[in-house]
C-alpha atoms as a PDB file:
ATOM      1  CA  UNK A   1     190.292 -58.493 211.222  1.00  0.00           C
ATOM      2  CA  UNK A   2     190.842 -60.026 214.667  1.00  0.00           C
ATOM      3  CA  UNK A   3     193.092 -57.126 215.660  1.00  0.00           C
ATOM      4  CA  UNK A   4     190.332 -54.678 214.738  1.00  0.00           C
ATOM      5  CA  UNK A   5     187.822 -56.563 216.879  1.00  0.00           C
ATOM      6  CA  UNK A   6     190.164 -56.681 219.847  1.00  0.00           C
ATOM      7  CA  UNK A   7     190.663 -52.917 219.685  1.00  0.00           C
ATOM      8  CA  UNK A   8     186.975 -52.441 220.480  1.00  0.00           C
ATOM      9  CA  UNK A   9     186.072 -52.431 224.208  1.00  0.00           C
ATOM     10  CA  UNK A  10     182.679 -53.860 223.260  1.00  0.00           C
ATOM     11  CA  UNK A  11     184.382 -57.109 222.219  1.00  0.00           C
ATOM     12  CA  UNK A  12     185.467 -57.799 225.795  1.00  0.00           C
ATOM     13  CA  UNK A  13     181.987 -56.958 227.083  1.00  0.00           C
ATOM     14  CA  UNK A  14     180.407 -59.249 224.467  1.00  0.00           C
ATOM     15  CA  UNK A  15     182.659 -62.226 225.270  1.00  0.00           C
ATOM     16  CA  UNK A  16     182.296 -61.721 229.016  1.00  0.00           C
ATOM     17  CA  UNK A  17     178.503 -61.462 228.736  1.00  0.00           C
ATOM     18  CA  UNK A  18     178.305 -64.658 226.665  1.00  0.00           C
ATOM     19  CA  UNK A  19     180.354 -66.560 229.235  1.00  0.00           C
ATOM     20  CA  UNK A  20     178.282 -65.068 232.068  1.00  0.00           C
ATOM     21  CA  UNK A  21     175.032 -66.234 230.468  1.00  0.00           C
ATOM     22  CA  UNK A  22     176.454 -69.703 229.980  1.00  0.00           C
ATOM     23  CA  UNK A  23     178.025 -70.215 233.405  1.00  0.00           C
ATOM     24  CA  UNK A  24     176.269 -67.878 235.833  1.00  0.00           C
ATOM     25  CA  UNK A  25     172.886 -66.492 234.858  1.00  0.00           C
ATOM     26  CA  UNK A  26     170.804 -65.590 231.812  1.00  0.00           C
ATOM     27  CA  UNK A  27     170.729 -62.027 233.153  1.00  0.00           C
ATOM     28  CA  UNK A  28     174.182 -60.417 233.245  1.00  0.00           C
ATOM     29  CA  UNK A  29     175.021 -58.050 236.094  1.00  0.00           C
ATOM     30  CA  UNK A  30     176.248 -54.903 234.270  1.00  0.00           C
ATOM     31  CA  UNK A  31     178.658 -53.747 236.995  1.00  0.00           C
ATOM     32  CA  UNK A  32     180.320 -57.142 237.282  1.00  0.00           C
ATOM     33  CA  UNK A  33     180.404 -57.633 233.506  1.00  0.00           C
ATOM     34  CA  UNK A  34     182.106 -54.257 233.023  1.00  0.00           C
ATOM     35  CA  UNK A  35     184.723 -55.014 235.688  1.00  0.00           C
ATOM     36  CA  UNK A  36     185.431 -58.482 234.291  1.00  0.00           C
ATOM     37  CA  UNK A  37     185.561 -57.118 230.727  1.00  0.00           C
ATOM     38  CA  UNK A  38     188.032 -54.400 231.739  1.00  0.00           C
ATOM     39  CA  UNK A  39     190.240 -57.010 233.418  1.00  0.00           C
ATOM     40  CA  UNK A  40     189.907 -59.212 230.307  1.00  0.00           C
ATOM     41  CA  UNK A  41     191.149 -56.348 228.092  1.00  0.00           C
ATOM     42  CA  UNK A  42     194.016 -55.505 230.463  1.00  0.00           C
ATOM     43  CA  UNK A  43     194.973 -59.189 230.466  1.00  0.00           C
ATOM     44  CA  UNK A  44     195.321 -59.173 226.669  1.00  0.00           C
ATOM     45  CA  UNK A  45     192.187 -61.267 226.169  1.00  0.00           C
ATOM     46  CA  UNK A  46     193.483 -64.329 227.998  1.00  0.00           C
ATOM     47  CA  UNK A  47     190.526 -66.617 228.735  1.00  0.00           C
ATOM     48  CA  UNK A  48     191.977 -68.502 231.701  1.00  0.00           C
ATOM     49  CA  UNK A  49     192.127 -65.447 234.035  1.00  0.00           C
ATOM     50  CA  UNK A  50     188.676 -64.342 232.855  1.00  0.00           C
ATOM     51  CA  UNK A  51     187.149 -67.738 233.591  1.00  0.00           C
ATOM     52  CA  UNK A  52     188.843 -67.869 236.981  1.00  0.00           C
ATOM     53  CA  UNK A  53     187.514 -64.418 237.891  1.00  0.00           C
ATOM     54  CA  UNK A  54     184.035 -65.274 236.608  1.00  0.00           C
ATOM     55  CA  UNK A  55     183.889 -68.555 238.526  1.00  0.00           C
ATOM     56  CA  UNK A  56     185.004 -66.823 241.715  1.00  0.00           C
ATOM     57  CA  UNK A  57     182.208 -64.234 241.660  1.00  0.00           C
ATOM     58  CA  UNK A  58     179.594 -64.447 244.422  1.00  0.00           C
ATOM     59  CA  UNK A  59     176.922 -64.527 241.709  1.00  0.00           C
ATOM     60  CA  UNK A  60     178.376 -67.749 240.295  1.00  0.00           C
ATOM     61  CA  UNK A  61     178.235 -69.433 243.690  1.00  0.00           C
ATOM     62  CA  UNK A  62     174.724 -68.151 244.398  1.00  0.00           C
ATOM     63  CA  UNK A  63     173.533 -69.526 241.060  1.00  0.00           C
ATOM     64  CA  UNK A  64     175.009 -72.952 241.938  1.00  0.00           C
ATOM     65  CA  UNK A  65     172.979 -72.992 245.164  1.00  0.00           C
ATOM     66  CA  UNK A  66     169.813 -73.077 243.060  1.00  0.00           C
ATOM     67  CA  UNK A  67     170.721 -76.382 241.427  1.00  0.00           C
END
């Protein structure tokens, strides 16, 4: 079942969007989400590189300035 889910590109987009909403903004940026999701798939769904990339986005740092 997990293998079937991981074969779907939408799985990477879903996971990336959920993390984005939690750590960056309630409104995902489609271009950034798609790039991060593609990198996530290429990286064999490893979370550590995805989180690093997400936390290094300019959008993450702009959202922190509003705290």
